[in-house]
Structures are given as structure tokens and as C-alpha cells.
Amino acid sequence: MNYYTSMPEKQEIFTLLNGRVKMTHSFYNPTSDAVWLAAYAPNDIKTVLDVGIGTGAVSLCLHTHFPELQITGLDISTEMLEESKKNAALNNVNVNLLNQDITNWSTPERFDLVITNPPYFNGQPAHHNAHHNADIIHWTKKCCARVKPNKYICIIADALCTDKIIATLSSKHFGNIQIFPLFSTKNSAERVLIRAKQGVKTGTTIFCGTSMNNDAILRDGLTIDALLSTLHAQ
């Protein structure tokens, strides 16, 4: 099931989070991964860097949870950034957009949260020149470098990448690693959400996870922390 509103091609707008986020149809339209990633952000943050912002879906969903956030979006694709700019304006959200490559971006700036949906897939590069075939370990290291002390990184990835991401986070002194699996029709997780905190030594927690088609997250706009609190209360 898709959790954005399907429309004929002649109509230019579709929505996420049951209408809370508006998006323009373009050469790349987001999947539910964007909604899941935004829903896993911690609540004690003020600044966020969205690495590989694409057309802006993660940042715009994140804004629905935390409207006061200062959001910076990074992408190497000027085409993606132009679409992201349009979508931010459509939702009246201010996003600072930068045409930079996280793998070689030189800056002293750090953020309370670095959030990313890494390009873990392989294949022919798309016409919009976004990252393909990236080294997930190098990508994660560069994202870690942009996190403030005692603050967070949040990642969604194919479950097959989990070992590489966790090993990299540990090597960069991230602890309190929290893994939230997402299941489709398979018995094994299809996606994993991973959240970690810089400079702490707390161990790893693996949550029970849920279906990728969970209405509470994808339609009602519940955060995963709120979802977990309701499960614990039962």
C-alpha cells in the first residue's frame, strides 16, 4: 500500500501524512521511507541536517512533528534541490538548501540531528544525478562528523546494510544505538531505522518493530517514540 495520495499525472500535487505535507509530482517521488525516517527523530533537537534531501519529503514530514526546527538540506543534485525548494514553498516551510556532497563537504558546522536515507542501492545512475552506488561506510562516517557532541544521527536503510552502519557508528563513538525494524510481507525486516547518540557508551536496543504499512505512523502522524510508549502502556 502506498501512503501518499495517488493522482492522475495531469494533477500536480500529492500528499503525505494524510494531507499534512504537500508534494509536487516530479521525476522522483518519495516513498513511505521518508515518513518513517522523520518519525524516528528524537524530540530534544533544534537544528537538523537532512543529508541527501532529494525533493524534501523527510524534512517536510519532520517539520510536522517539530515546527520550530531549523532545517538544512544537502544534495549534490541541482535538479533535486530545485524540487525541494518548490516543495518547501508549497508547505510554507523555510529550509536552507546547499548544493554540496556530504562525502567531501568541508565545514565546521554541526547539528543536533543528522538525518539521512543513504543511497545504499546499486545500479545505473538516474538522470537527476543523485548519489548511486555510494560507499555506505564512508557516507555514514561523513554524516557522523556533522553531529554535535551528545546529539544524534538517524538513518533508514535496507536491512542488509545494518551491520556496516552499526559498526561505523561504534567506530565513531556513537552509543545508545536504537534499532527499529520495519516488516513488509516477509518474515525478516525489509528496512531498519537506526538512531544513535554521539559520545555515549550505552549499548544497543533492538525494538520489536512494526509493519511498514502502520497507519498510526503513515497516516495519523504519530512518532515512533509515541508509538512505543503506547505499546509499553498496554
Protein backbone atom coordinates (compact mmCIF):
# COMPACT_ATOMS: atom_id res chain seq x y z
CA MET A 1 0.00 0.00 0.00
CA ASN A 2 1.27 3.48 -0.82
CA TYR A 3 0.87 6.18 1.78
CA TYR A 4 0.75 9.17 -0.45
CA THR A 5 -2.32 10.23 -2.35
CA SER A 6 -2.23 8.78 -5.87
CA MET A 7 -3.44 11.18 -8.55
CA PRO A 8 -3.58 11.20 -12.33
CA GLU A 9 -0.44 12.58 -13.95
CA LYS A 10 -2.23 15.75 -15.03
CA GLN A 11 -2.68 16.69 -11.37
CA GLU A 12 0.49 18.18 -9.95
CA ILE A 13 0.10 17.70 -6.19
CA PHE A 14 0.05 14.64 -3.95
CA THR A 15 0.23 14.48 -0.17
CA LEU A 16 1.97 12.67 2.67
CA LEU A 17 0.77 12.14 6.24
CA ASN A 18 -2.87 12.26 5.22
CA GLY A 19 -2.60 15.74 3.74
CA ARG A 20 -0.25 17.35 6.24
CA VAL A 21 2.56 17.55 3.66
CA LYS A 22 2.07 18.57 0.04
CA MET A 23 4.45 17.47 -2.70
CA THR A 24 4.69 18.26 -6.39
CA HIS A 25 4.91 15.38 -8.85
CA SER A 26 8.39 15.25 -10.34
CA PHE A 27 10.96 12.86 -11.79
CA TYR A 28 11.37 11.42 -8.28
CA ASN A 29 8.52 10.92 -5.83
CA PRO A 30 9.18 9.81 -2.23
CA THR A 31 8.17 6.51 -0.70
CA SER A 32 7.00 5.81 2.83
CA ASP A 33 10.68 5.63 3.86
CA ALA A 34 10.62 9.42 4.18
CA VAL A 35 7.71 9.35 6.61
CA TRP A 36 9.30 6.60 8.70
CA LEU A 37 12.64 8.36 8.91
CA ALA A 38 11.09 11.64 10.06
CA ALA A 39 9.02 9.78 12.65
CA TYR A 40 12.16 8.38 14.31
CA ALA A 41 13.75 11.75 15.09
CA PRO A 42 14.37 12.49 18.80
CA ASN A 43 12.44 15.36 20.36
CA ASP A 44 15.29 17.31 22.01
CA ILE A 45 16.66 18.93 18.87
CA LYS A 46 16.72 22.43 17.40
CA THR A 47 18.87 22.08 14.28
CA VAL A 48 18.85 19.31 11.69
CA LEU A 49 20.87 18.42 8.61
CA ASP A 50 19.00 16.35 6.02
CA VAL A 51 21.74 14.63 4.00
CA GLY A 52 20.57 13.77 0.51
CA ILE A 53 17.43 15.85 0.92
CA GLY A 54 16.13 14.94 -2.53
CA THR A 55 12.75 16.57 -3.10
CA GLY A 56 12.40 17.40 0.59
CA ALA A 57 9.94 14.83 1.89
CA VAL A 58 11.88 13.87 5.03
CA SER A 59 12.40 17.49 6.08
CA LEU A 60 8.79 18.43 5.44
CA CYS A 61 7.50 15.44 7.41
CA LEU A 62 9.96 16.27 10.18
CA HIS A 63 8.59 19.82 10.26
CA THR A 64 5.11 18.47 11.01
CA HIS A 65 6.49 16.86 14.18
CA PHE A 66 8.75 19.77 15.20
CA PRO A 67 7.62 23.06 13.58
CA GLU A 68 10.35 25.15 15.27
CA LEU A 69 13.25 23.20 13.77
CA GLN A 70 15.98 24.94 11.80
CA ILE A 71 16.40 22.67 8.79
CA THR A 72 19.37 22.49 6.41
CA GLY A 73 19.15 20.23 3.37
CA LEU A 74 22.18 18.93 1.47
CA ASP A 75 22.23 17.39 -2.01
CA ILE A 76 24.62 17.11 -4.95
CA SER A 77 21.78 17.29 -7.46
CA THR A 78 20.70 20.79 -8.50
CA GLU A 79 17.55 19.26 -10.00
CA MET A 80 16.64 17.69 -6.66
CA LEU A 81 17.33 20.93 -4.82
CA GLU A 82 15.08 22.85 -7.19
CA GLU A 83 12.24 20.41 -6.50
CA SER A 84 12.93 20.62 -2.78
CA LYS A 85 12.74 24.41 -2.97
CA LYS A 86 9.35 24.19 -4.67
CA ASN A 87 8.01 21.75 -2.08
CA ALA A 88 9.26 23.83 0.85
CA ALA A 89 7.48 26.89 -0.59
CA LEU A 90 4.33 24.84 -1.18
CA ASN A 91 4.28 23.97 2.54
CA ASN A 92 5.42 27.41 3.77
CA VAL A 93 8.49 25.84 5.38
CA ASN A 94 11.88 27.53 5.48
CA VAL A 95 14.68 25.12 4.51
CA ASN A 96 18.29 26.19 3.97
CA LEU A 97 19.35 24.29 0.83
CA LEU A 98 23.00 23.60 0.00
CA ASN A 99 24.42 22.12 -3.19
CA GLN A 100 27.14 20.03 -1.54
CA ASP A 101 28.40 16.45 -1.49
CA ILE A 102 28.46 15.03 2.05
CA THR A 103 31.39 12.77 1.12
CA ASN A 104 33.73 15.75 0.60
CA TRP A 105 31.90 18.69 2.24
CA SER A 106 34.37 20.76 4.26
CA THR A 107 32.65 22.72 7.03
CA PRO A 108 32.94 23.20 10.80
CA GLU A 109 29.16 23.30 11.18
CA ARG A 110 27.48 20.64 13.30
CA PHE A 111 23.85 19.85 14.05
CA ASP A 112 21.65 18.43 16.80
CA LEU A 113 20.43 15.81 14.35
CA VAL A 114 21.82 14.47 11.10
CA ILE A 115 19.15 12.50 9.29
CA THR A 116 19.67 10.52 6.11
CA ASN A 117 18.28 7.91 3.76
CA PRO A 118 21.59 6.75 2.26
CA PRO A 119 21.90 5.69 -1.39
CA TYR A 120 22.50 2.06 -0.49
CA PHE A 121 21.08 0.76 -3.78
CA ASN A 122 23.17 -0.19 -6.80
CA GLY A 123 22.53 0.29 -10.48
CA GLN A 124 22.64 2.84 -13.25
CA PRO A 125 22.76 6.49 -12.09
CA ALA A 126 19.48 8.32 -12.54
CA HIS A 127 19.20 11.31 -14.85
CA HIS A 128 18.88 13.68 -11.89
CA ASN A 129 22.47 12.83 -10.85
CA ALA A 130 21.69 11.89 -7.28
CA HIS A 131 24.08 9.55 -5.46
CA HIS A 132 24.08 5.90 -6.59
CA ASN A 133 26.39 3.08 -5.57
CA ALA A 134 27.75 5.10 -2.63
CA ASP A 135 30.04 3.56 -0.04
CA ILE A 136 27.66 3.23 2.92
CA ILE A 137 30.53 3.16 5.43
CA HIS A 138 32.12 6.35 4.08
CA TRP A 139 28.71 8.03 3.84
CA THR A 140 27.91 7.18 7.47
CA LYS A 141 31.31 8.40 8.68
CA LYS A 142 30.81 11.76 6.96
CA CYS A 143 27.35 12.10 8.45
CA CYS A 144 28.71 11.29 11.92
CA ALA A 145 31.24 14.12 11.55
CA ARG A 146 28.42 16.66 11.28
CA VAL A 147 26.77 15.71 14.61
CA LYS A 148 27.23 17.87 17.70
CA PRO A 149 28.61 16.24 20.86
CA ASN A 150 25.92 14.27 22.70
CA LYS A 151 23.47 14.67 19.81
CA TYR A 152 22.00 12.34 17.23
CA ILE A 153 22.16 10.61 13.89
CA CYS A 154 19.11 8.91 12.41
CA ILE A 155 19.22 6.59 9.38
CA ILE A 156 16.84 4.40 7.38
CA ALA A 157 18.38 1.70 5.21
CA ASP A 158 17.91 -1.70 3.70
CA ALA A 159 18.23 -4.32 6.43
CA LEU A 160 21.22 -5.83 4.61
CA CYS A 161 23.25 -2.70 5.46
CA THR A 162 22.64 -2.88 9.20
CA ASP A 163 25.96 -4.45 10.16
CA LYS A 164 28.02 -1.89 8.24
CA ILE A 165 26.12 1.07 9.67
CA ILE A 166 26.28 -0.10 13.28
CA ALA A 167 29.97 -0.95 13.05
CA THR A 168 30.66 2.50 11.64
CA LEU A 169 28.62 4.26 14.33
CA SER A 170 30.50 2.38 17.04
CA SER A 171 33.87 3.26 15.48
CA LYS A 172 32.86 6.94 15.58
CA HIS A 173 31.97 6.81 19.30
CA PHE A 174 28.20 6.69 18.92
CA GLY A 175 26.27 4.73 21.53
CA ASN A 176 22.68 4.23 22.68
CA ILE A 177 22.10 2.66 19.26
CA GLN A 178 18.38 2.01 18.82
CA ILE A 179 17.22 -0.28 16.01
CA PHE A 180 13.60 -0.31 14.86
CA PRO A 181 12.84 -2.96 12.18
CA LEU A 182 10.17 -2.48 9.52
CA PHE A 183 8.46 -5.51 8.02
CA SER A 184 6.51 -5.94 4.80
CA THR A 185 5.15 -9.36 3.87
CA LYS A 186 8.42 -11.09 4.67
CA ASN A 187 9.33 -12.80 7.93
CA SER A 188 12.53 -10.76 8.06
CA ALA A 189 12.84 -6.97 8.23
CA GLU A 190 12.91 -5.14 4.90
CA ARG A 191 14.08 -1.80 6.29
CA VAL A 192 15.71 -0.75 9.54
CA LEU A 193 15.60 2.58 11.31
CA ILE A 194 18.76 3.27 13.30
CA ARG A 195 19.20 6.09 15.81
CA ALA A 196 22.35 6.73 17.83
CA LYS A 197 23.81 9.37 20.13
CA GLN A 198 27.30 10.80 19.85
CA GLY A 199 29.74 10.40 22.74
CA VAL A 200 27.78 7.98 24.93
CA LYS A 201 28.63 4.39 25.83
CA THR A 202 25.14 2.98 26.32
CA GLY A 203 24.60 -0.29 24.47
CA THR A 204 22.27 -1.27 21.67
CA THR A 205 18.48 -1.70 21.86
CA ILE A 206 16.50 -3.64 19.26
CA PHE A 207 12.78 -2.83 19.33
CA CYS A 208 10.07 -5.22 18.23
CA GLY A 209 9.37 -3.17 15.10
CA THR A 210 6.17 -2.98 13.11
CA SER A 211 4.64 -3.27 9.67
CA MET A 212 5.76 -0.79 7.01
CA ASN A 213 2.04 -0.10 6.48
CA ASN A 214 1.35 1.09 10.03
CA ASP A 215 -1.45 3.68 9.77
CA ALA A 216 -0.60 5.33 13.09
CA ILE A 217 2.72 6.50 11.65
CA LEU A 218 1.95 6.91 7.96
CA ARG A 219 -1.50 8.50 8.13
CA ASP A 220 -2.07 9.74 11.67
CA GLY A 221 1.39 11.26 12.06
CA LEU A 222 2.41 9.51 15.27
CA THR A 223 6.13 9.48 16.05
CA ILE A 224 7.81 6.16 16.74
CA ASP A 225 8.63 7.22 20.30
CA ALA A 226 4.93 7.90 20.85
CA LEU A 227 4.04 4.56 19.26
CA LEU A 228 6.47 2.75 21.55
CA SER A 229 5.05 4.49 24.61
CA THR A 230 1.55 3.25 23.75
CA LEU A 231 2.87 -0.31 23.36
CA HIS A 232 4.64 -0.12 26.73
CA ALA A 233 1.43 1.09 28.37
CA GLN A 234 -0.51 -1.98 27.25
